[in-house]
């Protein structure tokens, strides 16, 4: 009896370190941030921090730019990551080499990736040097000028897509490897084309991995900061950048906590949407 109880407790004991880590380093700071966002000078409840945050001139541009980047980056990265994962899973000659090449950006920090792409798009960067040498441009074009918001967003999308697409790819490759070959062989027997096999067999069975990848990537996209700062400077602003600015420049942790709380609420909302939209047949039957 004692041995059976001990065996039943083993899974919970194995989960205990991870649960303690999440409680100490995620749940507790999250609760503290929410409390700080609604706390006045004397610690009393107030909405003054929220009012100052949403009436700030940078709030609307930061919110719009953050949502715009997510709407562009997530689909682009999803398509690229799925193509990369299918290429790796096809086990063509040299597939392992492609896997290692695709995974290289994972070893590069967010700020370093931003600096790399800044050097590419700057007036003396690779793109301008190439276009001028080919005679396409007479003189360098200022891609990263604050007057060219579209080019600033494009540069951030390129940098972020290059840096973080491999995160989605790794999750999708793991999901593809868990799909039984019997399903794919059955599709081949019934004469399915590669596109039909991918659309009707692979993608439905890949739903759990897609769910995890989209949730993780969307949450990280809401936190994009260093890449945008390195590439665009103050040319564009984001919610995470405003949180940093209010905390570091204005020394106002209350308003900074409001921005952090907004990012948290948006992350939770997007997570719930993905959990509902990408339910498996088993989850839909519950």
Protein backbone atom coordinates (compact mmCIF):
# COMPACT_ATOMS: atom_id res chain seq x y z
CA UNK A 1 0.00 0.00 0.00
CA UNK A 2 2.80 2.38 1.00
CA UNK A 3 4.75 1.48 -2.13
CA UNK A 4 1.68 2.15 -4.30
CA UNK A 5 1.11 5.58 -2.72
CA UNK A 6 4.77 6.44 -3.17
CA UNK A 7 4.57 5.46 -6.83
CA UNK A 8 1.51 7.68 -7.33
CA UNK A 9 3.35 10.63 -5.78
CA UNK A 10 6.37 10.35 -8.06
CA UNK A 11 4.84 12.36 -10.98
CA UNK A 12 3.88 15.19 -8.63
CA UNK A 13 7.32 15.22 -7.02
CA UNK A 14 8.92 15.43 -10.47
CA UNK A 15 6.69 18.39 -11.34
CA UNK A 16 7.40 20.17 -8.06
CA UNK A 17 10.70 21.90 -9.10
CA UNK A 18 9.15 23.27 -12.29
CA UNK A 19 6.03 24.40 -10.41
CA UNK A 20 8.17 26.13 -7.76
CA UNK A 21 10.24 27.84 -10.48
CA UNK A 22 7.11 29.12 -12.22
CA UNK A 23 5.57 30.34 -8.97
CA UNK A 24 8.70 32.19 -7.81
CA UNK A 25 9.92 33.67 -11.10
CA UNK A 26 6.67 34.11 -13.07
CA UNK A 27 3.51 34.03 -10.94
CA UNK A 28 4.82 36.16 -8.06
CA UNK A 29 6.35 38.92 -10.28
CA UNK A 30 3.14 38.92 -12.35
CA UNK A 31 0.98 39.50 -9.27
CA UNK A 32 3.39 42.17 -8.02
CA UNK A 33 3.30 43.94 -11.41
CA UNK A 34 -0.49 44.00 -11.40
CA UNK A 35 -0.45 45.38 -7.85
CA UNK A 36 2.09 48.04 -8.84
CA UNK A 37 0.00 49.09 -11.84
CA UNK A 38 -2.97 49.91 -9.63
CA UNK A 39 -1.11 51.27 -6.59
CA UNK A 40 -0.90 54.95 -5.70
CA UNK A 41 1.92 56.72 -3.79
CA UNK A 42 0.56 55.46 -0.46
CA UNK A 43 -0.19 51.99 -1.76
CA UNK A 44 -3.91 52.71 -2.11
CA UNK A 45 -5.84 51.49 -5.16
CA UNK A 46 -5.86 53.98 -8.03
CA UNK A 47 -6.38 54.09 -11.78
CA UNK A 48 -4.06 57.09 -12.17
CA UNK A 49 -1.23 54.96 -13.63
CA UNK A 50 -3.60 53.47 -16.20
CA UNK A 51 -4.90 56.92 -17.14
CA UNK A 52 -1.37 58.28 -17.60
CA UNK A 53 -0.36 55.28 -19.71
CA UNK A 54 -3.33 55.30 -22.11
CA UNK A 55 -3.33 59.10 -22.50
CA UNK A 56 0.38 59.21 -23.27
CA UNK A 57 1.12 60.29 -26.85
CA UNK A 58 3.15 57.13 -27.48
CA UNK A 59 0.52 54.64 -26.26
CA UNK A 60 -1.58 54.33 -29.43
CA UNK A 61 1.42 54.11 -31.84
CA UNK A 62 3.04 51.53 -29.55
CA UNK A 63 -0.12 49.40 -29.41
CA UNK A 64 -0.76 49.67 -33.15
CA UNK A 65 2.85 48.88 -34.10
CA UNK A 66 2.99 45.91 -31.73
CA UNK A 67 -0.21 44.39 -33.13
CA UNK A 68 0.87 45.14 -36.73
CA UNK A 69 4.21 43.40 -36.21
CA UNK A 70 2.47 40.35 -34.75
CA UNK A 71 -0.03 40.19 -37.62
CA UNK A 72 2.87 40.25 -40.11
CA UNK A 73 5.55 38.24 -38.29
CA UNK A 74 3.48 35.26 -37.11
CA UNK A 75 2.08 34.21 -40.54
CA UNK A 76 5.45 34.80 -42.24
CA UNK A 77 7.32 32.78 -39.65
CA UNK A 78 4.69 30.05 -39.61
CA UNK A 79 4.89 29.51 -43.39
CA UNK A 80 8.71 29.61 -43.39
CA UNK A 81 8.99 27.29 -40.38
CA UNK A 82 6.53 24.77 -41.84
CA UNK A 83 8.42 24.73 -45.15
CA UNK A 84 11.73 24.29 -43.34
CA UNK A 85 10.31 21.53 -41.11
CA UNK A 86 8.82 19.64 -44.08
CA UNK A 87 12.14 19.92 -45.91
CA UNK A 88 14.01 18.52 -42.92
CA UNK A 89 11.42 15.80 -42.39
CA UNK A 90 11.59 14.78 -46.06
CA UNK A 91 15.02 13.36 -45.17
CA UNK A 92 16.55 14.44 -48.45
CA UNK A 93 20.28 14.29 -48.91
CA UNK A 94 21.86 16.92 -46.67
CA UNK A 95 18.72 17.42 -44.54
CA UNK A 96 20.78 17.32 -41.34
CA UNK A 97 22.96 20.12 -42.71
CA UNK A 98 19.89 22.28 -43.36
CA UNK A 99 18.65 21.58 -39.81
CA UNK A 100 21.91 22.87 -38.34
CA UNK A 101 21.94 25.92 -40.62
CA UNK A 102 18.33 26.75 -39.74
CA UNK A 103 19.13 26.44 -36.02
CA UNK A 104 22.07 28.90 -36.09
CA UNK A 105 19.93 32.00 -35.26
CA UNK A 106 18.86 30.26 -32.02
CA UNK A 107 22.38 30.83 -30.71
CA UNK A 108 22.29 34.58 -31.43
CA UNK A 109 20.88 37.00 -28.90
CA UNK A 110 18.01 39.32 -29.75
CA UNK A 111 20.19 42.44 -29.57
CA UNK A 112 22.98 40.90 -31.67
CA UNK A 113 20.45 39.92 -34.35
CA UNK A 114 19.14 43.47 -34.39
CA UNK A 115 22.64 44.89 -34.80
CA UNK A 116 23.34 42.47 -37.69
CA UNK A 117 20.23 43.60 -39.57
CA UNK A 118 20.92 47.24 -38.75
CA UNK A 119 24.29 46.86 -40.46
CA UNK A 120 22.51 45.38 -43.49
CA UNK A 121 19.92 48.15 -43.86
CA UNK A 122 21.97 51.18 -42.83
CA UNK A 123 23.04 53.77 -45.45
CA UNK A 124 26.49 52.16 -45.69
CA UNK A 125 25.19 48.64 -45.27
CA UNK A 126 25.16 45.60 -47.53
CA UNK A 127 21.94 46.40 -49.41
CA UNK A 128 22.91 49.98 -50.26
CA UNK A 129 26.44 48.94 -51.26
CA UNK A 130 25.02 46.26 -53.56
CA UNK A 131 22.39 48.50 -55.16
CA UNK A 132 24.86 51.36 -55.70
CA UNK A 133 27.50 49.03 -57.16
CA UNK A 134 24.90 47.56 -59.56
CA UNK A 135 23.81 51.04 -60.62
CA UNK A 136 20.27 50.63 -59.29
CA UNK A 137 20.76 53.61 -56.96
CA UNK A 138 22.85 56.73 -57.54
CA UNK A 139 23.37 57.26 -53.83
CA UNK A 140 22.49 55.26 -50.68
CA UNK A 141 18.83 55.14 -49.68
CA UNK A 142 17.93 55.81 -46.05
CA UNK A 143 15.94 52.66 -45.25
CA UNK A 144 16.12 53.29 -41.51
CA UNK A 145 15.00 56.91 -41.45
CA UNK A 146 12.21 57.77 -39.01
CA UNK A 147 10.35 59.22 -42.01
CA UNK A 148 10.20 55.75 -43.63
CA UNK A 149 8.05 53.90 -41.10
CA UNK A 150 7.20 51.18 -43.59
CA UNK A 151 10.86 50.36 -44.19
CA UNK A 152 11.55 50.42 -40.44
CA UNK A 153 8.78 47.87 -39.85
CA UNK A 154 9.99 45.80 -42.81
CA UNK A 155 13.53 45.72 -41.39
CA UNK A 156 12.24 44.67 -37.96
CA UNK A 157 10.09 41.94 -39.55
CA UNK A 158 13.10 40.62 -41.48
CA UNK A 159 15.32 40.65 -38.38
CA UNK A 160 12.74 39.03 -36.13
CA UNK A 161 11.77 36.44 -38.76
CA UNK A 162 15.41 35.48 -39.26
CA UNK A 163 16.08 35.27 -35.53
CA UNK A 164 13.03 33.39 -34.26
CA UNK A 165 11.64 31.26 -37.11
CA UNK A 166 13.87 28.37 -36.09
CA UNK A 167 12.07 28.19 -32.70
CA UNK A 168 8.84 27.33 -34.51
CA UNK A 169 10.69 25.00 -36.88
CA UNK A 170 12.15 22.93 -34.02
CA UNK A 171 8.69 22.46 -32.49
CA UNK A 172 7.17 21.52 -35.85
CA UNK A 173 9.98 19.07 -36.63
CA UNK A 174 9.32 17.35 -33.29
CA UNK A 175 5.61 17.23 -34.13
CA UNK A 176 6.24 15.81 -37.61
CA UNK A 177 8.45 13.08 -36.19
CA UNK A 178 5.63 12.00 -33.88
CA UNK A 179 3.23 11.40 -36.81
CA UNK A 180 2.98 7.72 -37.70
CA UNK A 181 4.14 6.84 -41.20
CA UNK A 182 1.08 4.59 -41.53
CA UNK A 183 -1.15 7.64 -42.05
CA UNK A 184 1.10 9.00 -44.80
CA UNK A 185 1.41 5.59 -46.44
CA UNK A 186 -2.39 5.22 -46.38
CA UNK A 187 -2.71 8.62 -48.09
CA UNK A 188 -0.25 7.47 -50.77
CA UNK A 189 -2.24 4.27 -51.29
CA UNK A 190 -5.40 6.32 -51.95
CA UNK A 191 -3.50 8.42 -54.49
CA UNK A 192 -3.18 11.66 -52.52
CA UNK A 193 -0.92 14.31 -54.03
CA UNK A 194 1.85 15.84 -51.87
CA UNK A 195 -0.32 18.92 -51.31
CA UNK A 196 -3.40 16.82 -50.35
CA UNK A 197 -1.28 14.70 -48.03
CA UNK A 198 0.11 17.80 -46.34
CA UNK A 199 -3.24 19.64 -46.09
CA UNK A 200 -5.53 16.73 -45.14
CA UNK A 201 -3.18 14.45 -43.17
CA UNK A 202 -0.06 16.20 -41.91
CA UNK A 203 -1.51 19.54 -40.79
CA UNK A 204 -4.50 18.07 -38.86
CA UNK A 205 -2.18 15.66 -37.03
CA UNK A 206 0.22 18.53 -36.40
CA UNK A 207 -2.39 20.61 -34.54
CA UNK A 208 -0.96 20.09 -31.02
CA UNK A 209 2.50 21.20 -32.16
CA UNK A 210 1.05 24.12 -34.11
CA UNK A 211 -0.85 25.14 -31.02
CA UNK A 212 2.29 25.16 -28.87
CA UNK A 213 4.38 26.92 -31.54
CA UNK A 214 1.83 29.66 -32.17
CA UNK A 215 1.23 30.31 -28.48
CA UNK A 216 4.94 30.46 -27.67
CA UNK A 217 5.83 32.61 -30.66
CA UNK A 218 2.95 35.05 -30.17
CA UNK A 219 3.83 35.55 -26.51
CA UNK A 220 7.46 36.19 -27.46
CA UNK A 221 6.37 38.55 -30.25
CA UNK A 222 4.53 40.72 -27.73
CA UNK A 223 7.85 41.06 -25.90
CA UNK A 224 9.93 42.09 -28.94
CA UNK A 225 12.12 44.94 -27.81
CA UNK A 226 15.88 44.68 -28.40
CA UNK A 227 15.59 43.85 -32.13
CA UNK A 228 13.32 46.83 -32.78
CA UNK A 229 15.51 49.10 -30.66
CA UNK A 230 18.70 48.07 -32.49
CA UNK A 231 17.17 48.29 -35.98
CA UNK A 232 14.77 51.22 -35.73
CA UNK A 233 15.87 53.09 -32.60
CA UNK A 234 13.10 55.54 -31.69
CA UNK A 235 11.77 55.46 -35.24
CA UNK A 236 9.02 53.09 -34.11
CA UNK A 237 7.85 52.26 -30.62
CA UNK A 238 6.36 49.12 -29.08
CA UNK A 239 4.56 48.27 -25.85
CA UNK A 240 7.66 46.60 -24.42
CA UNK A 241 9.79 49.61 -25.41
CA UNK A 242 7.35 51.96 -23.68
CA UNK A 243 7.49 49.84 -20.52
CA UNK A 244 11.27 50.14 -20.57
CA UNK A 245 11.13 53.88 -21.28
CA UNK A 246 8.74 54.62 -18.42
CA UNK A 247 10.76 52.50 -16.02
CA UNK A 248 14.29 53.51 -17.04
CA UNK A 249 13.94 57.05 -18.42
CA UNK A 250 10.99 58.46 -16.48
CA UNK A 251 11.62 56.38 -13.32
CA UNK A 252 7.91 55.61 -13.05
CA UNK A 253 7.46 51.90 -12.25
CA UNK A 254 3.68 52.30 -11.89
CA UNK A 255 3.09 53.27 -15.53
CA UNK A 256 5.73 50.76 -16.66
CA UNK A 257 3.76 48.08 -14.78
CA UNK A 258 0.61 49.13 -16.66
CA UNK A 259 2.36 48.48 -19.97
CA UNK A 260 3.61 45.13 -18.67
CA UNK A 261 0.07 44.25 -17.56
CA UNK A 262 -1.30 45.13 -21.01
CA UNK A 263 1.27 42.84 -22.63
CA UNK A 264 0.29 40.08 -20.21
CA UNK A 265 -3.43 40.49 -20.89
CA UNK A 266 -2.87 40.46 -24.67
CA UNK A 267 -0.66 37.36 -24.34
CA UNK A 268 -3.33 35.53 -22.30
CA UNK A 269 -6.04 36.54 -24.77
CA UNK A 270 -4.04 35.29 -27.76
CA UNK A 271 -3.29 32.04 -25.91
CA UNK A 272 -6.99 31.41 -25.26
CA UNK A 273 -7.78 32.11 -28.93
CA UNK A 274 -5.18 29.61 -30.14
CA UNK A 275 -6.27 27.01 -27.56
CA UNK A 276 -9.85 27.31 -28.82
CA UNK A 277 -9.15 27.62 -32.55
CA UNK A 278 -6.68 24.72 -32.70
CA UNK A 279 -8.50 22.19 -30.55
CA UNK A 280 -7.92 18.57 -31.40
CA UNK A 281 -10.95 16.33 -32.13
CA UNK A 282 -10.52 14.81 -28.65
CA UNK A 283 -10.60 18.27 -27.04
CA UNK A 284 -13.64 19.30 -29.12
CA UNK A 285 -15.57 16.27 -27.87
CA UNK A 286 -15.08 17.24 -24.21
